[in-house]
Amino acid sequence: RQAPGKEREFVAHISRSGGTTYYADSVEGRFTIS
């Protein structure tokens, strides 16, 4: 994600099979990637 005037930042990642996910601290517990 990228907010005005800010650098693009990582939010979430999911592996090819969907078996592994990883989240930025700022969104973990609130966002779910699938």
Full PDB file with SEQRES, HELIX, SHEET, SSBOND, CRYST1, ORIGX, SCALE, CONECT and MASTER records, all heavy atoms in Angstrom:
SEQRES   1 A   34  ARG GLN ALA PRO GLY LYS GLU ARG GLU PHE VAL ALA HIS          
SEQRES   2 A   34  ILE SER ARG SER GLY GLY THR THR TYR TYR ALA ASP SER          
SEQRES   3 A   34  VAL GLU GLY ARG PHE THR ILE SER                              
SHEET    1 AA1 2 ALA A  12  ILE A  14  0                                        
SHEET    2 AA1 2 THR A  21  TYR A  23 -1                                        
CRYST1    1.000    1.000    1.000  90.00  90.00  90.00 P 1           1          
ORIGX1      1.000000  0.000000  0.000000        0.00000                         
ORIGX2      0.000000  1.000000  0.000000        0.00000                         
ORIGX3      0.000000  0.000000  1.000000        0.00000                         
SCALE1      1.000000  0.000000  0.000000        0.00000                         
SCALE2      0.000000  1.000000  0.000000        0.00000                         
SCALE3      0.000000  0.000000  1.000000        0.00000                         
ATOM      1  N   ARG A   1       0.835  -1.191   0.000  1.00  0.00           N  
ATOM      2  CA  ARG A   1       0.000   0.000   0.000  1.00  0.00           C  
ATOM      3  C   ARG A   1       0.871   1.243   0.000  1.00  0.00           C  
ATOM      4  O   ARG A   1       2.013   1.215   0.457  1.00  0.00           O  
ATOM      5  CB  ARG A   1      -0.955   0.014   1.197  1.00  0.00           C  
ATOM      6  CG  ARG A   1      -0.273   0.129   2.554  1.00  0.00           C  
ATOM      7  CD  ARG A   1      -1.287  -0.036   3.672  1.00  0.00           C  
ATOM      8  NE  ARG A   1      -0.684   0.135   4.989  1.00  0.00           N  
ATOM      9  CZ  ARG A   1      -1.315  -0.074   6.130  1.00  0.00           C  
ATOM     10  NH1 ARG A   1      -2.596  -0.465   6.124  1.00  0.00           N  
ATOM     11  NH2 ARG A   1      -0.686   0.111   7.289  1.00  0.00           N  
ATOM     12  N   GLN A   2       0.307   2.310  -0.512  1.00  0.00           N  
ATOM     13  CA  GLN A   2       1.030   3.562  -0.580  1.00  0.00           C  
ATOM     14  C   GLN A   2       0.076   4.715  -0.307  1.00  0.00           C  
ATOM     15  O   GLN A   2      -0.897   4.909  -1.033  1.00  0.00           O  
ATOM     16  CB  GLN A   2       1.698   3.747  -1.941  1.00  0.00           C  
ATOM     17  CG  GLN A   2       2.607   4.950  -2.012  1.00  0.00           C  
ATOM     18  CD  GLN A   2       3.487   4.933  -3.237  1.00  0.00           C  
ATOM     19  OE1 GLN A   2       3.149   4.309  -4.245  1.00  0.00           O  
ATOM     20  NE2 GLN A   2       4.623   5.602  -3.167  1.00  0.00           N  
ATOM     21  N   ALA A   3       0.372   5.449   0.735  1.00  0.00           N  
ATOM     22  CA  ALA A   3      -0.395   6.629   1.083  1.00  0.00           C  
ATOM     23  C   ALA A   3       0.256   7.854   0.459  1.00  0.00           C  
ATOM     24  O   ALA A   3       1.459   7.847   0.164  1.00  0.00           O  
ATOM     25  CB  ALA A   3      -0.473   6.787   2.601  1.00  0.00           C  
ATOM     26  N   PRO A   4      -0.503   8.922   0.246  1.00  0.00           N  
ATOM     27  CA  PRO A   4       0.071  10.130  -0.354  1.00  0.00           C  
ATOM     28  C   PRO A   4       1.282  10.629   0.429  1.00  0.00           C  
ATOM     29  O   PRO A   4       1.232  10.758   1.652  1.00  0.00           O  
ATOM     30  CB  PRO A   4      -1.077  11.133  -0.292  1.00  0.00           C  
ATOM     31  CG  PRO A   4      -2.306  10.284  -0.308  1.00  0.00           C  
ATOM     32  CD  PRO A   4      -1.944   9.062   0.488  1.00  0.00           C  
ATOM     33  N   GLY A   5       2.363  10.896  -0.285  1.00  0.00           N  
ATOM     34  CA  GLY A   5       3.562  11.413   0.337  1.00  0.00           C  
ATOM     35  C   GLY A   5       4.392  10.401   1.087  1.00  0.00           C  
ATOM     36  O   GLY A   5       5.393  10.780   1.705  1.00  0.00           O  
ATOM     37  N   LYS A   6       4.010   9.137   1.046  1.00  0.00           N  
ATOM     38  CA  LYS A   6       4.738   8.095   1.751  1.00  0.00           C  
ATOM     39  C   LYS A   6       5.239   7.043   0.771  1.00  0.00           C  
ATOM     40  O   LYS A   6       4.736   6.915  -0.340  1.00  0.00           O  
ATOM     41  CB  LYS A   6       3.857   7.448   2.814  1.00  0.00           C  
ATOM     42  CG  LYS A   6       3.363   8.402   3.890  1.00  0.00           C  
ATOM     43  CD  LYS A   6       2.457   7.708   4.891  1.00  0.00           C  
ATOM     44  CE  LYS A   6       3.192   6.661   5.701  1.00  0.00           C  
ATOM     45  NZ  LYS A   6       2.309   6.033   6.719  1.00  0.00           N  
ATOM     46  N   GLU A   7       6.215   6.296   1.214  1.00  0.00           N  
ATOM     47  CA  GLU A   7       6.752   5.234   0.382  1.00  0.00           C  
ATOM     48  C   GLU A   7       5.813   4.045   0.372  1.00  0.00           C  
ATOM     49  O   GLU A   7       4.993   3.862   1.275  1.00  0.00           O  
ATOM     50  CB  GLU A   7       8.137   4.811   0.887  1.00  0.00           C  
ATOM     51  CG  GLU A   7       8.119   4.173   2.262  1.00  0.00           C  
ATOM     52  CD  GLU A   7       9.504   3.805   2.763  1.00  0.00           C  
ATOM     53  OE1 GLU A   7      10.483   4.094   2.053  1.00  0.00           O  
ATOM     54  OE2 GLU A   7       9.609   3.229   3.859  1.00  0.00           O  
ATOM     55  N   ARG A   8       5.930   3.240  -0.663  1.00  0.00           N  
ATOM     56  CA  ARG A   8       5.125   2.037  -0.737  1.00  0.00           C  
ATOM     57  C   ARG A   8       5.594   1.050   0.323  1.00  0.00           C  
ATOM     58  O   ARG A   8       6.790   0.789   0.447  1.00  0.00           O  
ATOM     59  CB  ARG A   8       5.227   1.421  -2.133  1.00  0.00           C  
ATOM     60  CG  ARG A   8       4.257   0.287  -2.371  1.00  0.00           C  
ATOM     61  CD  ARG A   8       4.186  -0.073  -3.856  1.00  0.00           C  
ATOM     62  NE  ARG A   8       3.688   1.044  -4.648  1.00  0.00           N  
ATOM     63  CZ  ARG A   8       3.415   0.966  -5.938  1.00  0.00           C  
ATOM     64  NH1 ARG A   8       3.587  -0.173  -6.594  1.00  0.00           N  
ATOM     65  NH2 ARG A   8       2.974   2.040  -6.583  1.00  0.00           N  
ATOM     66  N   GLU A   9       4.654   0.502   1.076  1.00  0.00           N  
ATOM     67  CA  GLU A   9       5.009  -0.382   2.168  1.00  0.00           C  
ATOM     68  C   GLU A   9       4.358  -1.747   2.022  1.00  0.00           C  
ATOM     69  O   GLU A   9       3.254  -1.894   1.486  1.00  0.00           O  
ATOM     70  CB  GLU A   9       4.639   0.233   3.523  1.00  0.00           C  
ATOM     71  CG  GLU A   9       3.151   0.365   3.769  1.00  0.00           C  
ATOM     72  CD  GLU A   9       2.827   0.818   5.180  1.00  0.00           C  
ATOM     73  OE1 GLU A   9       3.711   0.744   6.064  1.00  0.00           O  
ATOM     74  OE2 GLU A   9       1.680   1.255   5.412  1.00  0.00           O  
ATOM     75  N   PHE A  10       5.047  -2.716   2.542  1.00  0.00           N  
ATOM     76  CA  PHE A  10       4.565  -4.086   2.529  1.00  0.00           C  
ATOM     77  C   PHE A  10       3.399  -4.260   3.482  1.00  0.00           C  
ATOM     78  O   PHE A  10       3.394  -3.704   4.582  1.00  0.00           O  
ATOM     79  CB  PHE A  10       5.709  -5.026   2.927  1.00  0.00           C  
ATOM     80  CG  PHE A  10       5.270  -6.431   3.195  1.00  0.00           C  
ATOM     81  CD1 PHE A  10       5.018  -7.305   2.150  1.00  0.00           C  
ATOM     82  CD2 PHE A  10       5.115  -6.888   4.489  1.00  0.00           C  
ATOM     83  CE1 PHE A  10       4.621  -8.609   2.391  1.00  0.00           C  
ATOM     84  CE2 PHE A  10       4.722  -8.180   4.750  1.00  0.00           C  
ATOM     85  CZ  PHE A  10       4.471  -9.045   3.691  1.00  0.00           C  
ATOM     86  N   VAL A  11       2.423  -5.069   3.065  1.00  0.00           N  
ATOM     87  CA  VAL A  11       1.259  -5.346   3.890  1.00  0.00           C  
ATOM     88  C   VAL A  11       1.157  -6.830   4.234  1.00  0.00           C  
ATOM     89  O   VAL A  11       1.067  -7.200   5.403  1.00  0.00           O  
ATOM     90  CB  VAL A  11      -0.039  -4.890   3.199  1.00  0.00           C  
ATOM     91  CG1 VAL A  11      -1.258  -5.305   4.018  1.00  0.00           C  
ATOM     92  CG2 VAL A  11      -0.020  -3.383   2.990  1.00  0.00           C  
ATOM     93  N   ALA A  12       1.160  -7.688   3.222  1.00  0.00           N  
ATOM     94  CA  ALA A  12       0.960  -9.115   3.463  1.00  0.00           C  
ATOM     95  C   ALA A  12       1.519  -9.921   2.305  1.00  0.00           C  
ATOM     96  O   ALA A  12       1.593  -9.442   1.172  1.00  0.00           O  
ATOM     97  CB  ALA A  12      -0.529  -9.435   3.657  1.00  0.00           C  
ATOM     98  N   HIS A  13       1.879 -11.153   2.597  1.00  0.00           N  
ATOM     99  CA  HIS A  13       2.444 -12.058   1.601  1.00  0.00           C  
ATOM    100  C   HIS A  13       1.834 -13.434   1.774  1.00  0.00           C  
ATOM    101  O   HIS A  13       1.541 -13.854   2.902  1.00  0.00           O  
ATOM    102  CB  HIS A  13       3.967 -12.131   1.775  1.00  0.00           C  
ATOM    103  CG  HIS A  13       4.653 -13.120   0.881  1.00  0.00           C  
ATOM    104  ND1 HIS A  13       4.760 -14.463   1.193  1.00  0.00           N  
ATOM    105  CD2 HIS A  13       5.279 -12.962  -0.316  1.00  0.00           C  
ATOM    106  CE1 HIS A  13       5.414 -15.084   0.235  1.00  0.00           C  
ATOM    107  NE2 HIS A  13       5.740 -14.198  -0.691  1.00  0.00           N  
ATOM    108  N   ILE A  14       1.658 -14.134   0.660  1.00  0.00           N  
ATOM    109  CA  ILE A  14       1.158 -15.496   0.703  1.00  0.00           C  
ATOM    110  C   ILE A  14       1.960 -16.344  -0.271  1.00  0.00           C  
ATOM    111  O   ILE A  14       2.285 -15.918  -1.383  1.00  0.00           O  
ATOM    112  CB  ILE A  14      -0.357 -15.559   0.409  1.00  0.00           C  
ATOM    113  CG1 ILE A  14      -0.908 -16.963   0.670  1.00  0.00           C  
ATOM    114  CG2 ILE A  14      -0.661 -15.091  -1.018  1.00  0.00           C  
ATOM    115  CD1 ILE A  14      -2.427 -16.993   0.735  1.00  0.00           C  
ATOM    116  N   SER A  15       2.281 -17.553   0.157  1.00  0.00           N  
ATOM    117  CA  SER A  15       3.072 -18.448  -0.665  1.00  0.00           C  
ATOM    118  C   SER A  15       2.259 -18.970  -1.842  1.00  0.00           C  
ATOM    119  O   SER A  15       1.048 -18.775  -1.934  1.00  0.00           O  
ATOM    120  CB  SER A  15       3.593 -19.610   0.175  1.00  0.00           C  
ATOM    121  OG  SER A  15       2.525 -20.367   0.714  1.00  0.00           O  
ATOM    122  N   ARG A  16       2.939 -19.655  -2.730  1.00  0.00           N  
ATOM    123  CA  ARG A  16       2.301 -20.113  -3.962  1.00  0.00           C  
ATOM    124  C   ARG A  16       1.121 -21.033  -3.728  1.00  0.00           C  
ATOM    125  O   ARG A  16       0.105 -20.950  -4.440  1.00  0.00           O  
ATOM    126  CB  ARG A  16       3.336 -20.798  -4.858  1.00  0.00           C  
ATOM    127  CG  ARG A  16       4.394 -19.845  -5.398  1.00  0.00           C  
ATOM    128  CD  ARG A  16       5.392 -20.563  -6.272  1.00  0.00           C  
ATOM    129  NE  ARG A  16       6.187 -21.532  -5.523  1.00  0.00           N  
ATOM    130  CZ  ARG A  16       7.096 -22.323  -6.062  1.00  0.00           C  
ATOM    131  NH1 ARG A  16       7.347 -22.269  -7.369  1.00  0.00           N  
ATOM    132  NH2 ARG A  16       7.771 -23.177  -5.303  1.00  0.00           N  
ATOM    133  N   SER A  17       1.239 -21.897  -2.738  1.00  0.00           N  
ATOM    134  CA  SER A  17       0.156 -22.817  -2.423  1.00  0.00           C  
ATOM    135  C   SER A  17      -0.851 -22.232  -1.445  1.00  0.00           C  
ATOM    136  O   SER A  17      -1.917 -22.825  -1.233  1.00  0.00           O  
ATOM    137  CB  SER A  17       0.726 -24.103  -1.840  1.00  0.00           C  
ATOM    138  OG  SER A  17       1.304 -23.864  -0.569  1.00  0.00           O  
ATOM    139  N   GLY A  18      -0.518 -21.116  -0.847  1.00  0.00           N  
ATOM    140  CA  GLY A  18      -1.366 -20.523   0.167  1.00  0.00           C  
ATOM    141  C   GLY A  18      -1.106 -21.036   1.564  1.00  0.00           C  
ATOM    142  O   GLY A  18      -1.798 -20.636   2.507  1.00  0.00           O  
ATOM    143  N   GLY A  19      -0.107 -21.894   1.724  1.00  0.00           N  
ATOM    144  CA  GLY A  19       0.141 -22.511   3.010  1.00  0.00           C  
ATOM    145  C   GLY A  19       0.869 -21.644   4.011  1.00  0.00           C  
ATOM    146  O   GLY A  19       0.851 -21.947   5.207  1.00  0.00           O  
ATOM    147  N   THR A  20       1.519 -20.599   3.545  1.00  0.00           N  
ATOM    148  CA  THR A  20       2.289 -19.736   4.424  1.00  0.00           C  
ATOM    149  C   THR A  20       1.905 -18.293   4.177  1.00  0.00           C  
ATOM    150  O   THR A  20       1.850 -17.851   3.025  1.00  0.00           O  
ATOM    151  CB  THR A  20       3.792 -19.913   4.193  1.00  0.00           C  
ATOM    152  OG1 THR A  20       4.149 -21.288   4.378  1.00  0.00           O  
ATOM    153  CG2 THR A  20       4.591 -19.054   5.164  1.00  0.00           C  
ATOM    154  N   THR A  21       1.637 -17.578   5.245  1.00  0.00           N  
ATOM    155  CA  THR A  21       1.328 -16.154   5.147  1.00  0.00           C  
ATOM    156  C   THR A  21       2.214 -15.367   6.085  1.00  0.00           C  
ATOM    157  O   THR A  21       2.722 -15.889   7.079  1.00  0.00           O  
ATOM    158  CB  THR A  21      -0.145 -15.876   5.469  1.00  0.00           C  
ATOM    159  OG1 THR A  21      -0.444 -16.353   6.792  1.00  0.00           O  
ATOM    160  CG2 THR A  21      -1.054 -16.574   4.466  1.00  0.00           C  
ATOM    161  N   TYR A  22       2.378 -14.099   5.768  1.00  0.00           N  
ATOM    162  CA  TYR A  22       3.221 -13.212   6.559  1.00  0.00           C  
ATOM    163  C   TYR A  22       2.639 -11.816   6.467  1.00  0.00           C  
ATOM    164  O   TYR A  22       2.230 -11.373   5.392  1.00  0.00           O  
ATOM    165  CB  TYR A  22       4.656 -13.237   6.038  1.00  0.00           C  
ATOM    166  CG  TYR A  22       5.604 -12.351   6.787  1.00  0.00           C  
ATOM    167  CD1 TYR A  22       6.090 -12.720   8.031  1.00  0.00           C  
ATOM    168  CD2 TYR A  22       6.030 -11.140   6.254  1.00  0.00           C  
ATOM    169  CE1 TYR A  22       6.969 -11.908   8.725  1.00  0.00           C  
ATOM    170  CE2 TYR A  22       6.908 -10.315   6.938  1.00  0.00           C  
ATOM    171  CZ  TYR A  22       7.372 -10.707   8.175  1.00  0.00           C  
ATOM    172  OH  TYR A  22       8.239  -9.904   8.854  1.00  0.00           O  
ATOM    173  N   TYR A  23       2.631 -11.104   7.597  1.00  0.00           N  
ATOM    174  CA  TYR A  23       1.997  -9.803   7.660  1.00  0.00           C  
ATOM    175  C   TYR A  23       2.915  -8.756   8.264  1.00  0.00           C  
ATOM    176  O   TYR A  23       3.752  -9.055   9.122  1.00  0.00           O  
ATOM    177  CB  TYR A  23       0.728  -9.865   8.512  1.00  0.00           C  
ATOM    178  CG  TYR A  23      -0.309 -10.821   7.994  1.00  0.00           C  
ATOM    179  CD1 TYR A  23      -0.338 -12.143   8.422  1.00  0.00           C  
ATOM    180  CD2 TYR A  23      -1.260 -10.400   7.071  1.00  0.00           C  
ATOM    181  CE1 TYR A  23      -1.285 -13.027   7.942  1.00  0.00           C  
ATOM    182  CE2 TYR A  23      -2.209 -11.280   6.587  1.00  0.00           C  
ATOM    183  CZ  TYR A  23      -2.219 -12.590   7.025  1.00  0.00           C  
ATOM    184  OH  TYR A  23      -3.165 -13.460   6.546  1.00  0.00           O  
ATOM    185  N   ALA A  24       2.721  -7.540   7.824  1.00  0.00           N  
ATOM    186  CA  ALA A  24       3.364  -6.424   8.491  1.00  0.00           C  
ATOM    187  C   ALA A  24       2.792  -6.288   9.894  1.00  0.00           C  
ATOM    188  O   ALA A  24       1.619  -6.588  10.137  1.00  0.00           O  
ATOM    189  CB  ALA A  24       3.146  -5.135   7.700  1.00  0.00           C  
ATOM    190  N   ASP A  25       3.621  -5.826  10.817  1.00  0.00           N  
ATOM    191  CA  ASP A  25       3.171  -5.675  12.193  1.00  0.00           C  
ATOM    192  C   ASP A  25       1.947  -4.769  12.304  1.00  0.00           C  
ATOM    193  O   ASP A  25       1.089  -4.970  13.165  1.00  0.00           O  
ATOM    194  CB  ASP A  25       4.296  -5.106  13.057  1.00  0.00           C  
ATOM    195  CG  ASP A  25       5.428  -6.092  13.281  1.00  0.00           C  
ATOM    196  OD1 ASP A  25       5.227  -7.300  13.048  1.00  0.00           O  
ATOM    197  OD2 ASP A  25       6.515  -5.650  13.693  1.00  0.00           O  
ATOM    198  N   SER A  26       1.863  -3.802  11.426  1.00  0.00           N  
ATOM    199  CA  SER A  26       0.790  -2.828  11.501  1.00  0.00           C  
ATOM    200  C   SER A  26      -0.584  -3.399  11.178  1.00  0.00           C  
ATOM    201  O   SER A  26      -1.597  -2.800  11.538  1.00  0.00           O  
ATOM    202  CB  SER A  26       1.087  -1.648  10.569  1.00  0.00           C  
ATOM    203  OG  SER A  26       1.214  -2.089   9.228  1.00  0.00           O  
ATOM    204  N   VAL A  27      -0.623  -4.552  10.502  1.00  0.00           N  
ATOM    205  CA  VAL A  27      -1.903  -5.118  10.091  1.00  0.00           C  
ATOM    206  C   VAL A  27      -2.158  -6.507  10.651  1.00  0.00           C  
ATOM    207  O   VAL A  27      -3.291  -7.002  10.555  1.00  0.00           O  
ATOM    208  CB  VAL A  27      -2.036  -5.162   8.557  1.00  0.00           C  
ATOM    209  CG1 VAL A  27      -1.781  -3.792   7.949  1.00  0.00           C  
ATOM    210  CG2 VAL A  27      -1.096  -6.201   7.948  1.00  0.00           C  
ATOM    211  N   GLU A  28      -1.165  -7.137  11.219  1.00  0.00           N  
ATOM    212  CA  GLU A  28      -1.337  -8.495  11.730  1.00  0.00           C  
ATOM    213  C   GLU A  28      -2.439  -8.535  12.778  1.00  0.00           C  
ATOM    214  O   GLU A  28      -2.499  -7.693  13.671  1.00  0.00           O  
ATOM    215  CB  GLU A  28      -0.032  -9.029  12.301  1.00  0.00           C  
ATOM    216  CG  GLU A  28      -0.103 -10.503  12.658  1.00  0.00           C  
ATOM    217  CD  GLU A  28       1.261 -11.140  12.784  1.00  0.00           C  
ATOM    218  OE1 GLU A  28       2.265 -10.409  12.844  1.00  0.00           O  
ATOM    219  OE2 GLU A  28       1.330 -12.380  12.812  1.00  0.00           O  
ATOM    220  N   GLY A  29      -3.302  -9.521  12.651  1.00  0.00           N  
ATOM    221  CA  GLY A  29      -4.442  -9.646  13.537  1.00  0.00           C  
ATOM    222  C   GLY A  29      -5.692  -8.981  13.011  1.00  0.00           C  
ATOM    223  O   GLY A  29      -6.788  -9.259  13.510  1.00  0.00           O  
ATOM    224  N   ARG A  30      -5.534  -8.108  12.021  1.00  0.00           N  
ATOM    225  CA  ARG A  30      -6.675  -7.412  11.438  1.00  0.00           C  
ATOM    226  C   ARG A  30      -6.906  -7.799   9.980  1.00  0.00           C  
ATOM    227  O   ARG A  30      -8.049  -7.838   9.522  1.00  0.00           O  
ATOM    228  CB  ARG A  30      -6.483  -5.901  11.519  1.00  0.00           C  
ATOM    229  CG  ARG A  30      -6.360  -5.373  12.944  1.00  0.00           C  
ATOM    230  CD  ARG A  30      -6.351  -3.850  12.974  1.00  0.00           C  
ATOM    231  NE  ARG A  30      -5.197  -3.302  12.261  1.00  0.00           N  
ATOM    232  CZ  ARG A  30      -5.280  -2.503  11.204  1.00  0.00           C  
ATOM    233  NH1 ARG A  30      -6.465  -2.136  10.731  1.00  0.00           N  
ATOM    234  NH2 ARG A  30      -4.179  -2.044  10.623  1.00  0.00           N  
ATOM    235  N   PHE A  31      -5.827  -8.061   9.262  1.00  0.00           N  
ATOM    236  CA  PHE A  31      -5.909  -8.387   7.840  1.00  0.00           C  
ATOM    237  C   PHE A  31      -5.627  -9.866   7.632  1.00  0.00           C  
ATOM    238  O   PHE A  31      -4.829 -10.467   8.352  1.00  0.00           O  
ATOM    239  CB  PHE A  31      -4.886  -7.585   7.032  1.00  0.00           C  
ATOM    240  CG  PHE A  31      -5.160  -6.112   6.923  1.00  0.00           C  
ATOM    241  CD1 PHE A  31      -6.131  -5.491   7.685  1.00  0.00           C  
ATOM    242  CD2 PHE A  31      -4.424  -5.346   6.034  1.00  0.00           C  
ATOM    243  CE1 PHE A  31      -6.370  -4.134   7.579  1.00  0.00           C  
ATOM    244  CE2 PHE A  31      -4.652  -3.990   5.915  1.00  0.00           C  
ATOM    245  CZ  PHE A  31      -5.623  -3.379   6.683  1.00  0.00           C  
ATOM    246  N   THR A  32      -6.253 -10.435   6.616  1.00  0.00           N  
ATOM    247  CA  THR A  32      -6.023 -11.818   6.241  1.00  0.00           C  
ATOM    248  C   THR A  32      -5.833 -11.908   4.735  1.00  0.00           C  
ATOM    249  O   THR A  32      -6.695 -11.465   3.972  1.00  0.00           O  
ATOM    250  CB  THR A  32      -7.188 -12.727   6.657  1.00  0.00           C  
ATOM    251  OG1 THR A  32      -7.387 -12.640   8.075  1.00  0.00           O  
ATOM    252  CG2 THR A  32      -6.888 -14.172   6.285  1.00  0.00           C  
ATOM    253  N   ILE A  33      -4.715 -12.469   4.316  1.00  0.00           N  
ATOM    254  CA  ILE A  33      -4.473 -12.698   2.903  1.00  0.00           C  
ATOM    255  C   ILE A  33      -4.805 -14.149   2.584  1.00  0.00           C  
ATOM    256  O   ILE A  33      -4.521 -15.051   3.378  1.00  0.00           O  
ATOM    257  CB  ILE A  33      -3.020 -12.351   2.518  1.00  0.00           C  
ATOM    258  CG1 ILE A  33      -2.821 -12.440   0.999  1.00  0.00           C  
ATOM    259  CG2 ILE A  33      -2.021 -13.229   3.251  1.00  0.00           C  
ATOM    260  CD1 ILE A  33      -1.468 -11.904   0.523  1.00  0.00           C  
ATOM    261  N   SER A  34      -5.419 -14.374   1.448  1.00  0.00           N  
ATOM    262  CA  SER A  34      -5.759 -15.719   1.021  1.00  0.00           C  
ATOM    263  C   SER A  34      -5.721 -15.768  -0.497  1.00  0.00           C  
ATOM    264  O   SER A  34      -5.643 -14.731  -1.167  1.00  0.00           O  
ATOM    265  CB  SER A  34      -7.132 -16.140   1.548  1.00  0.00           C  
ATOM    266  OG  SER A  34      -8.154 -15.294   1.051  1.00  0.00           O  
TER     267      SER A  34                                                      
MASTER        0    0    0    0    2    0    0    6  266    1    0    3          
END                                                                             
